[in-house]
Amino acid sequence: MGAHALHPFYRALWHGLDLLFPPACGGCGRPGQRWCPDCRRQVLPLAEPVCEVCGLPVERAGPCPDCRRARPSFRALRSWSAFESPLREALHRLKYRRDLGLGEALAEAMYDFTAHLPWPVEVVVPVPLGARRLRERGYNQASLIAYPLALALGLVYAPAALARVRETRSQIELSREERYENVRGAFQASPKKVKGRVVLLVDDVATTGSTLSSCAEALYAAGAQDVFALTVARALERSQAWHTHPST
């Protein structure tokens, strides 16, 4: 059965679980839905123009100064929303409080955004966790977003295509340069799963894009034809925060 055919069954599974275990909204806590209409309306898309490479807001079209100085390994990165409330709270619940159903709810909400990206992707790969962090958490939050997106888009889902082969420090509090150094050489990809294919790399949040860039480097080394990156949210500096507008 193809990915498109599985998608309605996957959605029905989660809606069935909602009937058995009534959810609360991941953004505001209101009972009844995993991601309520009010929180959906408060999503803050990044206003155009954005950097053609990393997707950060810029004053004029083209690559941003950081990407001109040191271009990341991925072809392009785009994010559905700024990492602000209520999406920030929802992603924290997904990542740290085992609210697993938020993965499907957020993937469904960002489907239209993803489907309109002009990328010829063939296979969806989540950014992997290290073995220790996966044991501690019990699941990979990026997989919970990437899998339903792959089903909705009718694409191959390949979680085993990429592995984290070296444990890394948390990226929180690290500088841009430290982040890139921290994840350098931390990933390895499977040529059997990605050689000659266009990959969509999926994660929950991007800050500098260093993890995604390191993942893309490993995918290219394994023979991927091209690598595009997608995240649910993008962390913005204060000076960039005005480059957003409420979703309609």
C-alpha atoms as a PDB file:
ATOM      1  CA  MET A   1       0.000   0.000   0.000  1.00  0.00           C
ATOM      2  CA  GLY A   2       1.410   3.406  -1.011  1.00  0.00           C
ATOM      3  CA  ALA A   3       2.005   6.362   1.283  1.00  0.00           C
ATOM      4  CA  HIS A   4      -1.036   8.271   0.007  1.00  0.00           C
ATOM      5  CA  ALA A   5      -3.278   5.276   0.673  1.00  0.00           C
ATOM      6  CA  LEU A   6      -1.944   4.894   4.221  1.00  0.00           C
ATOM      7  CA  HIS A   7      -2.445   8.534   5.121  1.00  0.00           C
ATOM      8  CA  PRO A   8      -6.212   8.401   5.887  1.00  0.00           C
ATOM      9  CA  PHE A   9      -5.693   5.307   8.051  1.00  0.00           C
ATOM     10  CA  TYR A  10      -2.953   7.060  10.017  1.00  0.00           C
ATOM     11  CA  ARG A  11      -5.179  10.104  10.552  1.00  0.00           C
ATOM     12  CA  ALA A  12      -8.087   7.866  11.576  1.00  0.00           C
ATOM     13  CA  LEU A  13      -5.855   6.131  14.133  1.00  0.00           C
ATOM     14  CA  TRP A  14      -5.057   9.414  15.863  1.00  0.00           C
ATOM     15  CA  HIS A  15      -8.656  10.625  15.714  1.00  0.00           C
ATOM     16  CA  GLY A  16      -9.720   7.333  17.268  1.00  0.00           C
ATOM     17  CA  LEU A  17      -7.208   7.827  20.065  1.00  0.00           C
ATOM     18  CA  ASP A  18      -8.603  11.337  20.561  1.00  0.00           C
ATOM     19  CA  LEU A  19     -12.023   9.803  21.223  1.00  0.00           C
ATOM     20  CA  LEU A  20     -10.598   7.358  23.758  1.00  0.00           C
ATOM     21  CA  PHE A  21      -8.239   9.873  25.382  1.00  0.00           C
ATOM     22  CA  PRO A  22      -9.630  13.408  24.844  1.00  0.00           C
ATOM     23  CA  PRO A  23      -6.710  15.725  24.047  1.00  0.00           C
ATOM     24  CA  ALA A  24      -5.842  19.263  25.063  1.00  0.00           C
ATOM     25  CA  CYS A  25      -4.368  21.782  22.644  1.00  0.00           C
ATOM     26  CA  GLY A  26      -0.572  21.739  22.636  1.00  0.00           C
ATOM     27  CA  GLY A  27      -0.449  25.516  22.313  1.00  0.00           C
ATOM     28  CA  CYS A  28      -3.017  26.833  24.807  1.00  0.00           C
ATOM     29  CA  GLY A  29      -4.127  23.759  26.788  1.00  0.00           C
ATOM     30  CA  ARG A  30      -7.788  24.138  25.822  1.00  0.00           C
ATOM     31  CA  PRO A  31      -9.509  20.728  25.875  1.00  0.00           C
ATOM     32  CA  GLY A  32     -10.952  19.163  22.749  1.00  0.00           C
ATOM     33  CA  GLN A  33      -8.267  19.265  20.045  1.00  0.00           C
ATOM     34  CA  ARG A  34      -4.531  18.634  19.811  1.00  0.00           C
ATOM     35  CA  TRP A  35      -3.993  21.881  17.845  1.00  0.00           C
ATOM     36  CA  CYS A  36      -6.959  24.224  18.122  1.00  0.00           C
ATOM     37  CA  PRO A  37      -8.177  26.758  15.519  1.00  0.00           C
ATOM     38  CA  ASP A  38      -7.177  29.743  17.687  1.00  0.00           C
ATOM     39  CA  CYS A  39      -3.575  28.527  17.960  1.00  0.00           C
ATOM     40  CA  ARG A  40      -3.542  27.679  14.264  1.00  0.00           C
ATOM     41  CA  ARG A  41      -4.471  31.308  13.485  1.00  0.00           C
ATOM     42  CA  GLN A  42      -1.615  32.578  15.647  1.00  0.00           C
ATOM     43  CA  VAL A  43       1.082  30.806  13.638  1.00  0.00           C
ATOM     44  CA  LEU A  44       3.614  33.387  12.429  1.00  0.00           C
ATOM     45  CA  PRO A  45       4.884  32.633   8.906  1.00  0.00           C
ATOM     46  CA  LEU A  46       8.185  34.222   7.933  1.00  0.00           C
ATOM     47  CA  ALA A  47       7.463  37.123   5.606  1.00  0.00           C
ATOM     48  CA  GLU A  48       9.086  37.246   2.195  1.00  0.00           C
ATOM     49  CA  PRO A  49      11.702  37.849   1.051  1.00  0.00           C
ATOM     50  CA  VAL A  50      13.742  35.162   2.765  1.00  0.00           C
ATOM     51  CA  CYS A  51      17.309  34.028   2.107  1.00  0.00           C
ATOM     52  CA  GLU A  52      17.234  31.695  -0.883  1.00  0.00           C
ATOM     53  CA  VAL A  53      19.488  29.279   1.025  1.00  0.00           C
ATOM     54  CA  CYS A  54      18.706  29.264   4.765  1.00  0.00           C
ATOM     55  CA  GLY A  55      15.225  30.794   4.671  1.00  0.00           C
ATOM     56  CA  LEU A  56      15.840  33.627   7.143  1.00  0.00           C
ATOM     57  CA  PRO A  57      14.093  36.953   6.464  1.00  0.00           C
ATOM     58  CA  VAL A  58      16.229  39.383   4.438  1.00  0.00           C
ATOM     59  CA  GLU A  59      15.813  42.908   3.142  1.00  0.00           C
ATOM     60  CA  ARG A  60      16.177  41.896  -0.504  1.00  0.00           C
ATOM     61  CA  ALA A  61      16.020  38.618  -2.436  1.00  0.00           C
ATOM     62  CA  GLY A  62      19.147  36.477  -2.595  1.00  0.00           C
ATOM     63  CA  PRO A  63      21.437  34.812  -0.064  1.00  0.00           C
ATOM     64  CA  CYS A  64      21.868  36.378   3.380  1.00  0.00           C
ATOM     65  CA  PRO A  65      25.304  37.595   4.567  1.00  0.00           C
ATOM     66  CA  ASP A  66      25.916  34.414   6.617  1.00  0.00           C
ATOM     67  CA  CYS A  67      25.182  32.150   3.633  1.00  0.00           C
ATOM     68  CA  ARG A  68      27.406  34.260   1.395  1.00  0.00           C
ATOM     69  CA  ARG A  69      30.252  33.853   3.883  1.00  0.00           C
ATOM     70  CA  ALA A  70      29.771  30.127   4.474  1.00  0.00           C
ATOM     71  CA  ARG A  71      27.026  28.400   2.514  1.00  0.00           C
ATOM     72  CA  PRO A  72      25.370  25.481   4.374  1.00  0.00           C
ATOM     73  CA  SER A  73      25.506  22.027   2.797  1.00  0.00           C
ATOM     74  CA  PHE A  74      21.764  21.763   2.088  1.00  0.00           C
ATOM     75  CA  ARG A  75      20.336  23.233  -1.114  1.00  0.00           C
ATOM     76  CA  ALA A  76      17.656  25.220   0.735  1.00  0.00           C
ATOM     77  CA  LEU A  77      15.963  25.395   4.139  1.00  0.00           C
ATOM     78  CA  ARG A  78      12.437  26.600   4.790  1.00  0.00           C
ATOM     79  CA  SER A  79      10.429  26.811   8.021  1.00  0.00           C
ATOM     80  CA  TRP A  80       6.671  26.877   8.411  1.00  0.00           C
ATOM     81  CA  SER A  81       6.625  29.403  11.258  1.00  0.00           C
ATOM     82  CA  ALA A  82       8.659  31.519  13.621  1.00  0.00           C
ATOM     83  CA  PHE A  83       9.506  29.780  16.907  1.00  0.00           C
ATOM     84  CA  GLU A  84       7.060  31.859  18.947  1.00  0.00           C
ATOM     85  CA  SER A  85       3.973  31.205  21.067  1.00  0.00           C
ATOM     86  CA  PRO A  86       1.799  29.189  20.804  1.00  0.00           C
ATOM     87  CA  LEU A  87       3.837  26.975  18.461  1.00  0.00           C
ATOM     88  CA  ARG A  88       6.833  27.123  20.813  1.00  0.00           C
ATOM     89  CA  GLU A  89       4.744  25.638  23.626  1.00  0.00           C
ATOM     90  CA  ALA A  90       3.395  22.927  21.330  1.00  0.00           C
ATOM     91  CA  LEU A  91       6.872  21.873  20.205  1.00  0.00           C
ATOM     92  CA  HIS A  92       8.078  21.792  23.808  1.00  0.00           C
ATOM     93  CA  ARG A  93       5.151  19.524  24.713  1.00  0.00           C
ATOM     94  CA  LEU A  94       5.964  17.257  21.786  1.00  0.00           C
ATOM     95  CA  LYS A  95       9.653  17.131  22.588  1.00  0.00           C
ATOM     96  CA  TYR A  96       9.741  16.997  26.374  1.00  0.00           C
ATOM     97  CA  ARG A  97       6.277  16.028  27.645  1.00  0.00           C
ATOM     98  CA  ARG A  98       5.462  13.030  25.439  1.00  0.00           C
ATOM     99  CA  ASP A  99       2.482  14.681  23.732  1.00  0.00           C
ATOM    100  CA  LEU A 100       3.036  12.419  20.722  1.00  0.00           C
ATOM    101  CA  GLY A 101      -0.181  13.261  18.894  1.00  0.00           C
ATOM    102  CA  LEU A 102       1.080  16.768  18.268  1.00  0.00           C
ATOM    103  CA  GLY A 103       3.410  15.381  15.603  1.00  0.00           C
ATOM    104  CA  GLU A 104       0.483  14.351  13.392  1.00  0.00           C
ATOM    105  CA  ALA A 105      -1.521  17.510  14.199  1.00  0.00           C
ATOM    106  CA  LEU A 106       1.321  19.870  13.307  1.00  0.00           C
ATOM    107  CA  ALA A 107       2.262  17.889  10.201  1.00  0.00           C
ATOM    108  CA  GLU A 108      -1.327  18.177   9.004  1.00  0.00           C
ATOM    109  CA  ALA A 109      -1.380  21.917   9.698  1.00  0.00           C
ATOM    110  CA  MET A 110       1.816  22.527   7.689  1.00  0.00           C
ATOM    111  CA  TYR A 111       0.875  20.274   4.763  1.00  0.00           C
ATOM    112  CA  ASP A 112      -0.182  23.097   2.408  1.00  0.00           C
ATOM    113  CA  PHE A 113       3.006  25.045   3.137  1.00  0.00           C
ATOM    114  CA  THR A 114       5.128  21.980   2.387  1.00  0.00           C
ATOM    115  CA  ALA A 115       3.186  20.906  -0.697  1.00  0.00           C
ATOM    116  CA  HIS A 116       3.739  24.318  -2.310  1.00  0.00           C
ATOM    117  CA  LEU A 117       7.523  24.266  -1.939  1.00  0.00           C
ATOM    118  CA  PRO A 118       8.944  23.919  -5.477  1.00  0.00           C
ATOM    119  CA  TRP A 119      11.225  21.029  -4.572  1.00  0.00           C
ATOM    120  CA  PRO A 120      11.377  17.720  -6.507  1.00  0.00           C
ATOM    121  CA  VAL A 121      11.825  15.633  -3.349  1.00  0.00           C
ATOM    122  CA  GLU A 122      11.461  11.849  -3.395  1.00  0.00           C
ATOM    123  CA  VAL A 123      12.290  10.631   0.095  1.00  0.00           C
ATOM    124  CA  VAL A 124      11.676  12.065   3.583  1.00  0.00           C
ATOM    125  CA  VAL A 125      14.358  11.632   6.257  1.00  0.00           C
ATOM    126  CA  PRO A 126      14.029  12.860   9.867  1.00  0.00           C
ATOM    127  CA  VAL A 127      17.038  14.294  11.681  1.00  0.00           C
ATOM    128  CA  PRO A 128      18.070  11.437  14.016  1.00  0.00           C
ATOM    129  CA  LEU A 129      18.718  11.572  17.746  1.00  0.00           C
ATOM    130  CA  GLY A 130      21.790  10.071  19.330  1.00  0.00           C
ATOM    131  CA  ALA A 131      21.374   6.642  20.914  1.00  0.00           C
ATOM    132  CA  ARG A 132      21.611   7.973  24.476  1.00  0.00           C
ATOM    133  CA  ARG A 133      19.054  10.735  23.947  1.00  0.00           C
ATOM    134  CA  LEU A 134      16.724   8.346  22.131  1.00  0.00           C
ATOM    135  CA  ARG A 135      16.865   5.925  25.091  1.00  0.00           C
ATOM    136  CA  GLU A 136      16.132   8.756  27.531  1.00  0.00           C
ATOM    137  CA  ARG A 137      13.241  10.241  25.536  1.00  0.00           C
ATOM    138  CA  GLY A 138      11.893   7.033  24.030  1.00  0.00           C
ATOM    139  CA  TYR A 139      11.066   8.587  20.647  1.00  0.00           C
ATOM    140  CA  ASN A 140      12.368  11.041  18.066  1.00  0.00           C
ATOM    141  CA  GLN A 141      10.120  14.095  17.796  1.00  0.00           C
ATOM    142  CA  ALA A 142      11.340  14.793  14.247  1.00  0.00           C
ATOM    143  CA  SER A 143      10.083  11.365  13.164  1.00  0.00           C
ATOM    144  CA  LEU A 144       6.619  12.096  14.562  1.00  0.00           C
ATOM    145  CA  ILE A 145       6.422  15.082  12.190  1.00  0.00           C
ATOM    146  CA  ALA A 146       8.272  13.600   9.214  1.00  0.00           C
ATOM    147  CA  TYR A 147       6.258  10.373   8.960  1.00  0.00           C
ATOM    148  CA  PRO A 148       2.755  11.887   8.586  1.00  0.00           C
ATOM    149  CA  LEU A 149       4.179  14.518   6.225  1.00  0.00           C
ATOM    150  CA  ALA A 150       5.637  11.770   4.038  1.00  0.00           C
ATOM    151  CA  LEU A 151       2.279   9.964   4.022  1.00  0.00           C
ATOM    152  CA  ALA A 152       0.363  13.134   3.126  1.00  0.00           C
ATOM    153  CA  LEU A 153       2.808  14.013   0.341  1.00  0.00           C
ATOM    154  CA  GLY A 154       2.932  10.465  -1.007  1.00  0.00           C
ATOM    155  CA  LEU A 155       6.695  10.221  -0.521  1.00  0.00           C
ATOM    156  CA  VAL A 156       8.991   7.438   0.660  1.00  0.00           C
ATOM    157  CA  TYR A 157       9.761   7.645   4.374  1.00  0.00           C
ATOM    158  CA  ALA A 158      13.298   6.508   5.242  1.00  0.00           C
ATOM    159  CA  PRO A 159      14.149   6.988   8.939  1.00  0.00           C
ATOM    160  CA  ALA A 160      17.072   4.544   8.700  1.00  0.00           C
ATOM    161  CA  ALA A 161      18.716   6.534   5.914  1.00  0.00           C
ATOM    162  CA  LEU A 162      20.584   8.719   8.384  1.00  0.00           C
ATOM    163  CA  ALA A 163      22.182   7.916  11.741  1.00  0.00           C
ATOM    164  CA  ARG A 164      23.910   9.964  14.387  1.00  0.00           C
ATOM    165  CA  VAL A 165      27.226   8.184  14.857  1.00  0.00           C
ATOM    166  CA  ARG A 166      28.680  10.491  17.464  1.00  0.00           C
ATOM    167  CA  GLU A 167      27.007  11.860  20.589  1.00  0.00           C
ATOM    168  CA  THR A 168      27.036  15.659  20.693  1.00  0.00           C
ATOM    169  CA  ARG A 169      26.526  18.322  23.310  1.00  0.00           C
ATOM    170  CA  SER A 170      23.213  20.163  23.467  1.00  0.00           C
ATOM    171  CA  GLN A 171      23.282  23.053  20.991  1.00  0.00           C
ATOM    172  CA  ILE A 172      21.569  25.367  23.481  1.00  0.00           C
ATOM    173  CA  GLU A 173      23.811  28.231  24.592  1.00  0.00           C
ATOM    174  CA  LEU A 174      26.452  27.471  21.937  1.00  0.00           C
ATOM    175  CA  SER A 175      27.576  30.161  19.501  1.00  0.00           C
ATOM    176  CA  ARG A 176      27.034  29.765  15.760  1.00  0.00           C
ATOM    177  CA  GLU A 177      30.629  28.589  15.252  1.00  0.00           C
ATOM    178  CA  GLU A 178      30.438  26.213  18.240  1.00  0.00           C
ATOM    179  CA  ARG A 179      27.200  24.701  16.910  1.00  0.00           C
ATOM    180  CA  TYR A 180      28.778  23.878  13.554  1.00  0.00           C
ATOM    181  CA  GLU A 181      31.847  22.384  15.226  1.00  0.00           C
ATOM    182  CA  ASN A 182      29.729  20.412  17.702  1.00  0.00           C
ATOM    183  CA  VAL A 183      27.892  18.476  14.964  1.00  0.00           C
ATOM    184  CA  ARG A 184      30.717  18.208  12.439  1.00  0.00           C
ATOM    185  CA  GLY A 185      31.005  14.576  11.310  1.00  0.00           C
ATOM    186  CA  ALA A 186      28.250  13.478  13.708  1.00  0.00           C
ATOM    187  CA  PHE A 187      26.054  11.842  11.039  1.00  0.00           C
ATOM    188  CA  GLN A 188      26.351   9.012   8.547  1.00  0.00           C
ATOM    189  CA  ALA A 189      23.941   8.179   5.723  1.00  0.00           C
ATOM    190  CA  SER A 190      23.100   4.933   3.930  1.00  0.00           C
ATOM    191  CA  PRO A 191      23.947   4.976   0.193  1.00  0.00           C
ATOM    192  CA  LYS A 192      21.429   2.171  -0.328  1.00  0.00           C
ATOM    193  CA  LYS A 193      18.580   4.457   0.735  1.00  0.00           C
ATOM    194  CA  VAL A 194      19.606   7.851  -0.649  1.00  0.00           C
ATOM    195  CA  LYS A 195      21.971   7.387  -3.593  1.00  0.00           C
ATOM    196  CA  GLY A 196      20.672   9.281  -6.611  1.00  0.00           C
ATOM    197  CA  ARG A 197      17.588  10.551  -4.751  1.00  0.00           C
ATOM    198  CA  VAL A 198      16.367  14.008  -3.753  1.00  0.00           C
ATOM    199  CA  VAL A 199      15.968  14.096   0.024  1.00  0.00           C
ATOM    200  CA  LEU A 200      13.678  16.176   2.225  1.00  0.00           C
ATOM    201  CA  LEU A 201      15.357  16.445   5.632  1.00  0.00           C
ATOM    202  CA  VAL A 202      12.887  17.218   8.447  1.00  0.00           C
ATOM    203  CA  ASP A 203      13.398  18.579  11.969  1.00  0.00           C
ATOM    204  CA  ASP A 204      11.323  20.437  14.534  1.00  0.00           C
ATOM    205  CA  VAL A 205      13.283  23.696  14.980  1.00  0.00           C
ATOM    206  CA  ALA A 206      16.191  25.357  13.179  1.00  0.00           C
ATOM    207  CA  THR A 207      18.378  27.976  14.839  1.00  0.00           C
ATOM    208  CA  THR A 208      21.588  28.357  12.836  1.00  0.00           C
ATOM    209  CA  GLY A 209      20.947  25.370  10.557  1.00  0.00           C
ATOM    210  CA  SER A 210      24.177  23.711  11.690  1.00  0.00           C
ATOM    211  CA  THR A 211      22.621  20.311  12.453  1.00  0.00           C
ATOM    212  CA  LEU A 212      20.730  20.278   9.157  1.00  0.00           C
ATOM    213  CA  SER A 213      23.892  21.263   7.298  1.00  0.00           C
ATOM    214  CA  SER A 214      25.883  18.444   8.897  1.00  0.00           C
ATOM    215  CA  CYS A 215      23.101  15.977   8.055  1.00  0.00           C
ATOM    216  CA  ALA A 216      23.048  17.211   4.450  1.00  0.00           C
ATOM    217  CA  GLU A 217      26.813  16.779   4.204  1.00  0.00           C
ATOM    218  CA  ALA A 218      26.447  13.124   5.226  1.00  0.00           C
ATOM    219  CA  LEU A 219      23.588  12.587   2.752  1.00  0.00           C
ATOM    220  CA  TYR A 220      25.597  14.049  -0.114  1.00  0.00           C
ATOM    221  CA  ALA A 221      28.579  11.895   0.878  1.00  0.00           C
ATOM    222  CA  ALA A 222      26.276   8.852   0.556  1.00  0.00           C
ATOM    223  CA  GLY A 223      25.307   9.854  -2.977  1.00  0.00           C
ATOM    224  CA  ALA A 224      22.106  11.876  -2.516  1.00  0.00           C
ATOM    225  CA  GLN A 225      21.316  13.841  -5.650  1.00  0.00           C
ATOM    226  CA  ASP A 226      20.104  16.847  -3.668  1.00  0.00           C
ATOM    227  CA  VAL A 227      19.068  17.749  -0.112  1.00  0.00           C
ATOM    228  CA  PHE A 228      16.375  20.202   0.954  1.00  0.00           C
ATOM    229  CA  ALA A 229      15.587  20.928   4.609  1.00  0.00           C
ATOM    230  CA  LEU A 230      12.272  21.673   6.306  1.00  0.00           C
ATOM    231  CA  THR A 231      11.484  22.559   9.911  1.00  0.00           C
ATOM    232  CA  VAL A 232       8.270  23.303  11.719  1.00  0.00           C
ATOM    233  CA  ALA A 233       9.751  26.462  13.249  1.00  0.00           C
ATOM    234  CA  ARG A 234      12.678  28.838  12.944  1.00  0.00           C
ATOM    235  CA  ALA A 235      14.251  30.607  15.917  1.00  0.00           C
ATOM    236  CA  LEU A 236      14.675  34.300  15.128  1.00  0.00           C
ATOM    237  CA  GLU A 237      16.793  36.982  16.705  1.00  0.00           C
ATOM    238  CA  ARG A 238      14.965  40.008  18.089  1.00  0.00           C
ATOM    239  CA  SER A 239      16.041  42.100  15.104  1.00  0.00           C
ATOM    240  CA  GLN A 240      14.347  39.579  12.791  1.00  0.00           C
ATOM    241  CA  ALA A 241      11.118  39.117  14.763  1.00  0.00           C
ATOM    242  CA  TRP A 242       9.206  41.797  12.852  1.00  0.00           C
ATOM    243  CA  HIS A 243       9.622  39.737   9.660  1.00  0.00           C
ATOM    244  CA  THR A 244       6.546  37.687  10.545  1.00  0.00           C
ATOM    245  CA  HIS A 245       2.834  38.040  10.022  1.00  0.00           C
ATOM    246  CA  PRO A 246      -0.125  36.154  11.541  1.00  0.00           C
ATOM    247  CA  SER A 247      -1.444  33.192   9.581  1.00  0.00           C
ATOM    248  CA  THR A 248      -4.846  33.690   7.975  1.00  0.00           C
END
